[in-house]
Amino acid sequence: MAQPDAGAAGQVRHHHRERAVVGDRWIARVLRAGAVVSGGMFVLSLGLEAMPQSERVHVAIDLLRKGAASLLLVTPVARLAVAGTLLGLRGEWRYMVMAAGVLGLLAIAVGTGIQA
């Protein structure tokens, strides 16, 4: 009689493990995409340095580099949002609330910094 319960518990553990792996893949995708796009923007800005220098080229280089740096800063925040969402979907409310709290504090800090 202990066998069916052990099998059901094993299936539940396997299901939770699969969900965790799927969540880890989403987090890895967010981090990878941020790094690849940011790196591509920076490499493109380096390529623009080989072009004849003009006002438009300087503006494009500046925008690409600022965008790349901004994306590198935003990527961990996006990772936190994805992780918090995935934790909430898994029913881990405590950790979801903590992730939301950290995002809220970051929003307050950014908002305060912009007003200053």
N, C-alpha and C. Protein backbone atom coordinates (compact mmCIF):
# COMPACT_ATOMS: atom_id res chain seq x y z
N MET A 1 0.81 -1.19 0.00
CA MET A 1 0.00 0.00 0.00
C MET A 1 0.86 1.26 0.00
N ALA A 2 2.08 1.19 0.47
CA ALA A 2 2.96 2.35 0.48
C ALA A 2 3.46 2.69 -0.92
N GLN A 3 3.40 1.74 -1.84
CA GLN A 3 3.90 1.96 -3.18
C GLN A 3 3.14 3.05 -3.94
N PRO A 4 1.80 3.04 -3.99
CA PRO A 4 1.11 4.09 -4.75
C PRO A 4 1.41 5.49 -4.21
N ASP A 5 1.48 5.63 -2.90
CA ASP A 5 1.78 6.93 -2.32
C ASP A 5 3.18 7.38 -2.68
N ALA A 6 4.12 6.46 -2.65
CA ALA A 6 5.50 6.80 -2.99
C ALA A 6 5.59 7.21 -4.46
N GLY A 7 4.84 6.54 -5.33
CA GLY A 7 4.84 6.90 -6.75
C GLY A 7 4.23 8.26 -6.98
N ALA A 8 3.15 8.56 -6.29
CA ALA A 8 2.50 9.87 -6.43
C ALA A 8 3.41 10.98 -5.91
N ALA A 9 4.08 10.72 -4.81
CA ALA A 9 5.00 11.73 -4.27
C ALA A 9 6.16 11.94 -5.23
N GLY A 10 6.63 10.88 -5.84
CA GLY A 10 7.71 11.00 -6.82
C GLY A 10 7.29 11.80 -8.03
N GLN A 11 6.04 11.61 -8.47
CA GLN A 11 5.54 12.36 -9.61
C GLN A 11 5.42 13.85 -9.27
N VAL A 12 4.97 14.13 -8.06
CA VAL A 12 4.84 15.53 -7.64
C VAL A 12 6.21 16.19 -7.60
N ARG A 13 7.20 15.49 -7.03
CA ARG A 13 8.56 16.04 -6.98
C ARG A 13 9.09 16.26 -8.39
N HIS A 14 8.83 15.29 -9.28
CA HIS A 14 9.30 15.41 -10.66
C HIS A 14 8.66 16.62 -11.34
N HIS A 15 7.36 16.82 -11.10
CA HIS A 15 6.64 17.95 -11.68
C HIS A 15 7.20 19.27 -11.17
N HIS A 16 7.46 19.36 -9.87
CA HIS A 16 8.03 20.59 -9.30
C HIS A 16 9.43 20.85 -9.86
N ARG A 17 10.20 19.79 -10.03
CA ARG A 17 11.55 19.93 -10.58
C ARG A 17 11.48 20.43 -12.02
N GLU A 18 10.54 19.90 -12.81
CA GLU A 18 10.39 20.35 -14.19
C GLU A 18 10.00 21.83 -14.25
N ARG A 19 9.10 22.24 -13.38
CA ARG A 19 8.68 23.65 -13.35
C ARG A 19 9.85 24.55 -12.95
N ALA A 20 10.67 24.08 -12.03
CA ALA A 20 11.83 24.87 -11.61
C ALA A 20 12.82 25.02 -12.76
N VAL A 21 13.00 23.94 -13.52
CA VAL A 21 13.93 23.99 -14.65
C VAL A 21 13.40 24.95 -15.72
N VAL A 22 12.10 24.91 -15.98
CA VAL A 22 11.51 25.83 -16.95
C VAL A 22 11.71 27.27 -16.48
N GLY A 23 11.50 27.53 -15.21
CA GLY A 23 11.72 28.87 -14.67
C GLY A 23 13.17 29.31 -14.80
N ASP A 24 14.09 28.40 -14.52
CA ASP A 24 15.51 28.72 -14.66
C ASP A 24 15.85 29.05 -16.10
N ARG A 25 15.21 28.35 -17.04
CA ARG A 25 15.47 28.63 -18.46
C ARG A 25 14.98 30.02 -18.84
N TRP A 26 13.81 30.42 -18.32
CA TRP A 26 13.31 31.76 -18.61
C TRP A 26 14.25 32.83 -18.06
N ILE A 27 14.72 32.61 -16.85
CA ILE A 27 15.65 33.57 -16.25
C ILE A 27 16.94 33.64 -17.06
N ALA A 28 17.44 32.48 -17.48
CA ALA A 28 18.66 32.46 -18.30
C ALA A 28 18.44 33.17 -19.63
N ARG A 29 17.26 33.00 -20.23
CA ARG A 29 16.95 33.69 -21.49
C ARG A 29 16.96 35.20 -21.31
N VAL A 30 16.37 35.67 -20.23
CA VAL A 30 16.35 37.12 -19.98
C VAL A 30 17.76 37.65 -19.83
N LEU A 31 18.57 36.98 -19.03
CA LEU A 31 19.95 37.44 -18.82
C LEU A 31 20.77 37.36 -20.11
N ARG A 32 20.61 36.26 -20.84
CA ARG A 32 21.35 36.08 -22.09
C ARG A 32 20.94 37.15 -23.12
N ALA A 33 19.65 37.38 -23.26
CA ALA A 33 19.18 38.37 -24.23
C ALA A 33 19.71 39.76 -23.89
N GLY A 34 19.67 40.12 -22.61
CA GLY A 34 20.19 41.42 -22.21
C GLY A 34 21.66 41.57 -22.52
N ALA A 35 22.43 40.53 -22.24
CA ALA A 35 23.88 40.58 -22.48
C ALA A 35 24.19 40.61 -23.97
N VAL A 36 23.50 39.79 -24.76
CA VAL A 36 23.77 39.73 -26.20
C VAL A 36 23.37 41.02 -26.90
N VAL A 37 22.18 41.53 -26.60
CA VAL A 37 21.74 42.77 -27.25
C VAL A 37 22.63 43.93 -26.83
N SER A 38 22.95 44.01 -25.55
CA SER A 38 23.82 45.09 -25.08
C SER A 38 25.20 44.99 -25.72
N GLY A 39 25.75 43.79 -25.77
CA GLY A 39 27.06 43.60 -26.42
C GLY A 39 27.02 43.95 -27.89
N GLY A 40 25.92 43.57 -28.56
CA GLY A 40 25.78 43.91 -29.97
C GLY A 40 25.72 45.41 -30.20
N MET A 41 25.03 46.11 -29.32
CA MET A 41 24.95 47.57 -29.43
C MET A 41 26.34 48.20 -29.24
N PHE A 42 27.10 47.67 -28.30
CA PHE A 42 28.43 48.21 -28.05
C PHE A 42 29.35 47.93 -29.24
N VAL A 43 29.30 46.71 -29.79
CA VAL A 43 30.13 46.37 -30.95
C VAL A 43 29.74 47.24 -32.15
N LEU A 44 28.44 47.47 -32.32
CA LEU A 44 27.99 48.32 -33.41
C LEU A 44 28.53 49.74 -33.25
N SER A 45 28.55 50.22 -32.00
CA SER A 45 29.10 51.56 -31.77
C SER A 45 30.59 51.61 -32.10
N LEU A 46 31.30 50.51 -31.83
CA LEU A 46 32.72 50.46 -32.20
C LEU A 46 32.90 50.46 -33.71
N GLY A 47 31.99 49.74 -34.39
CA GLY A 47 32.05 49.73 -35.85
C GLY A 47 31.79 51.10 -36.45
N LEU A 48 30.91 51.88 -35.82
CA LEU A 48 30.62 53.22 -36.31
C LEU A 48 31.83 54.15 -36.18
N GLU A 49 32.74 53.82 -35.29
CA GLU A 49 33.94 54.65 -35.12
C GLU A 49 34.81 54.61 -36.37
N ALA A 50 34.68 53.55 -37.19
CA ALA A 50 35.47 53.43 -38.41
C ALA A 50 34.90 54.28 -39.54
N MET A 51 33.67 54.74 -39.38
CA MET A 51 33.05 55.56 -40.42
C MET A 51 33.60 56.98 -40.38
N PRO A 52 33.44 57.70 -41.50
CA PRO A 52 33.84 59.12 -41.48
C PRO A 52 33.07 59.86 -40.38
N GLN A 53 33.78 60.64 -39.62
CA GLN A 53 33.19 61.30 -38.46
C GLN A 53 32.30 62.47 -38.87
N SER A 54 31.11 62.46 -38.35
CA SER A 54 30.17 63.56 -38.56
C SER A 54 29.33 63.67 -37.30
N GLU A 55 28.50 64.70 -37.26
CA GLU A 55 27.63 64.90 -36.09
C GLU A 55 26.69 63.71 -35.91
N ARG A 56 26.13 63.21 -37.00
CA ARG A 56 25.18 62.09 -36.93
C ARG A 56 25.86 60.82 -36.41
N VAL A 57 27.08 60.58 -36.85
CA VAL A 57 27.82 59.39 -36.39
C VAL A 57 28.11 59.51 -34.90
N HIS A 58 28.54 60.68 -34.45
CA HIS A 58 28.82 60.88 -33.03
C HIS A 58 27.56 60.67 -32.19
N VAL A 59 26.43 61.17 -32.66
CA VAL A 59 25.16 61.00 -31.93
C VAL A 59 24.78 59.53 -31.89
N ALA A 60 24.94 58.82 -33.02
CA ALA A 60 24.60 57.39 -33.07
C ALA A 60 25.49 56.59 -32.11
N ILE A 61 26.77 56.88 -32.11
CA ILE A 61 27.70 56.19 -31.20
C ILE A 61 27.30 56.44 -29.75
N ASP A 62 27.02 57.69 -29.43
CA ASP A 62 26.64 58.05 -28.07
C ASP A 62 25.35 57.34 -27.65
N LEU A 63 24.35 57.35 -28.53
CA LEU A 63 23.08 56.68 -28.22
C LEU A 63 23.26 55.17 -28.04
N LEU A 64 24.04 54.56 -28.91
CA LEU A 64 24.26 53.11 -28.80
C LEU A 64 24.97 52.76 -27.50
N ARG A 65 25.97 53.52 -27.13
CA ARG A 65 26.72 53.22 -25.90
C ARG A 65 25.87 53.46 -24.66
N LYS A 66 25.10 54.55 -24.66
CA LYS A 66 24.22 54.80 -23.51
C LYS A 66 23.12 53.74 -23.43
N GLY A 67 22.60 53.35 -24.59
CA GLY A 67 21.58 52.30 -24.61
C GLY A 67 22.13 50.97 -24.13
N ALA A 68 23.36 50.64 -24.55
CA ALA A 68 23.98 49.38 -24.12
C ALA A 68 24.20 49.37 -22.61
N ALA A 69 24.69 50.49 -22.07
CA ALA A 69 24.91 50.56 -20.62
C ALA A 69 23.59 50.49 -19.87
N SER A 70 22.57 51.17 -20.37
CA SER A 70 21.25 51.14 -19.72
C SER A 70 20.67 49.74 -19.73
N LEU A 71 20.81 49.06 -20.86
CA LEU A 71 20.29 47.70 -20.96
C LEU A 71 21.00 46.76 -19.99
N LEU A 72 22.30 46.95 -19.81
CA LEU A 72 23.03 46.13 -18.84
C LEU A 72 22.53 46.39 -17.42
N LEU A 73 22.14 47.62 -17.13
CA LEU A 73 21.61 47.94 -15.80
C LEU A 73 20.19 47.41 -15.61
N VAL A 74 19.40 47.39 -16.66
CA VAL A 74 18.00 46.98 -16.56
C VAL A 74 17.85 45.46 -16.56
N THR A 75 18.80 44.75 -17.15
CA THR A 75 18.69 43.29 -17.28
C THR A 75 18.52 42.58 -15.93
N PRO A 76 19.30 42.89 -14.89
CA PRO A 76 19.06 42.22 -13.61
C PRO A 76 17.70 42.55 -12.99
N VAL A 77 17.21 43.75 -13.26
CA VAL A 77 15.88 44.13 -12.76
C VAL A 77 14.82 43.29 -13.46
N ALA A 78 14.98 43.10 -14.77
CA ALA A 78 14.05 42.25 -15.52
C ALA A 78 14.12 40.81 -15.01
N ARG A 79 15.31 40.36 -14.66
CA ARG A 79 15.47 39.01 -14.12
C ARG A 79 14.71 38.88 -12.80
N LEU A 80 14.78 39.90 -11.98
CA LEU A 80 14.06 39.88 -10.71
C LEU A 80 12.56 39.84 -10.93
N ALA A 81 12.08 40.59 -11.91
CA ALA A 81 10.64 40.59 -12.22
C ALA A 81 10.20 39.22 -12.72
N VAL A 82 10.99 38.60 -13.59
CA VAL A 82 10.65 37.27 -14.11
C VAL A 82 10.69 36.25 -12.97
N ALA A 83 11.72 36.30 -12.14
CA ALA A 83 11.82 35.36 -11.02
C ALA A 83 10.65 35.53 -10.06
N GLY A 84 10.29 36.76 -9.74
CA GLY A 84 9.16 37.00 -8.84
C GLY A 84 7.86 36.47 -9.42
N THR A 85 7.65 36.67 -10.70
CA THR A 85 6.45 36.17 -11.37
C THR A 85 6.42 34.64 -11.35
N LEU A 86 7.54 34.03 -11.69
CA LEU A 86 7.60 32.56 -11.71
C LEU A 86 7.39 31.99 -10.30
N LEU A 87 7.95 32.63 -9.31
CA LEU A 87 7.74 32.16 -7.94
C LEU A 87 6.28 32.28 -7.53
N GLY A 88 5.64 33.36 -7.94
CA GLY A 88 4.22 33.53 -7.65
C GLY A 88 3.38 32.45 -8.33
N LEU A 89 3.73 32.12 -9.57
CA LEU A 89 3.01 31.07 -10.28
C LEU A 89 3.19 29.71 -9.63
N ARG A 90 4.34 29.52 -8.98
CA ARG A 90 4.59 28.26 -8.28
C ARG A 90 3.98 28.24 -6.89
N GLY A 91 3.39 29.36 -6.48
CA GLY A 91 2.74 29.41 -5.17
C GLY A 91 3.66 29.81 -4.04
N GLU A 92 4.83 30.27 -4.35
CA GLU A 92 5.78 30.71 -3.32
C GLU A 92 5.58 32.20 -3.10
N TRP A 93 4.50 32.53 -2.39
CA TRP A 93 4.06 33.91 -2.22
C TRP A 93 5.05 34.76 -1.45
N ARG A 94 5.68 34.18 -0.46
CA ARG A 94 6.61 34.95 0.36
C ARG A 94 7.74 35.52 -0.50
N TYR A 95 8.30 34.69 -1.35
CA TYR A 95 9.41 35.15 -2.19
C TYR A 95 8.93 36.09 -3.28
N MET A 96 7.72 35.88 -3.77
CA MET A 96 7.16 36.79 -4.75
C MET A 96 6.97 38.18 -4.14
N VAL A 97 6.48 38.22 -2.90
CA VAL A 97 6.29 39.50 -2.23
C VAL A 97 7.64 40.18 -1.99
N MET A 98 8.67 39.40 -1.65
CA MET A 98 10.00 39.98 -1.47
C MET A 98 10.52 40.56 -2.77
N ALA A 99 10.36 39.84 -3.88
CA ALA A 99 10.81 40.33 -5.18
C ALA A 99 10.05 41.61 -5.54
N ALA A 100 8.74 41.63 -5.30
CA ALA A 100 7.94 42.82 -5.57
C ALA A 100 8.39 43.99 -4.69
N GLY A 101 8.74 43.70 -3.44
CA GLY A 101 9.23 44.74 -2.54
C GLY A 101 10.53 45.34 -3.02
N VAL A 102 11.44 44.50 -3.48
CA VAL A 102 12.71 45.00 -4.00
C VAL A 102 12.48 45.85 -5.24
N LEU A 103 11.59 45.38 -6.13
CA LEU A 103 11.28 46.17 -7.32
C LEU A 103 10.64 47.50 -6.94
N GLY A 104 9.78 47.48 -5.93
CA GLY A 104 9.16 48.71 -5.46
C GLY A 104 10.19 49.68 -4.90
N LEU A 105 11.11 49.16 -4.11
CA LEU A 105 12.17 50.03 -3.57
C LEU A 105 13.04 50.61 -4.68
N LEU A 106 13.34 49.79 -5.70
CA LEU A 106 14.11 50.31 -6.83
C LEU A 106 13.34 51.41 -7.56
N ALA A 107 12.03 51.21 -7.71
CA ALA A 107 11.21 52.23 -8.38
C ALA A 107 11.20 53.53 -7.58
N ILE A 108 11.09 53.42 -6.27
CA ILE A 108 11.12 54.61 -5.41
C ILE A 108 12.48 55.31 -5.52
N ALA A 109 13.55 54.53 -5.50
CA ALA A 109 14.89 55.11 -5.59
C ALA A 109 15.10 55.82 -6.92
N VAL A 110 14.65 55.18 -8.01
CA VAL A 110 14.79 55.80 -9.33
C VAL A 110 13.93 57.05 -9.41
N GLY A 111 12.69 56.96 -8.92
CA GLY A 111 11.80 58.11 -8.95
C GLY A 111 12.34 59.28 -8.14
N THR A 112 12.90 58.98 -7.00
CA THR A 112 13.49 60.02 -6.15
C THR A 112 14.71 60.62 -6.83
N GLY A 113 15.51 59.77 -7.47
CA GLY A 113 16.70 60.27 -8.16
C GLY A 113 16.36 61.14 -9.35
N ILE A 114 15.29 60.82 -10.05
CA ILE A 114 14.90 61.61 -11.21
C ILE A 114 14.39 62.98 -10.77
N GLN A 115 13.69 63.04 -9.65
CA GLN A 115 13.15 64.31 -9.16
C GLN A 115 14.23 65.21 -8.60
N ALA A 116 15.34 64.63 -8.17
CA ALA A 116 16.38 65.44 -7.53
C ALA A 116 17.13 66.31 -8.51
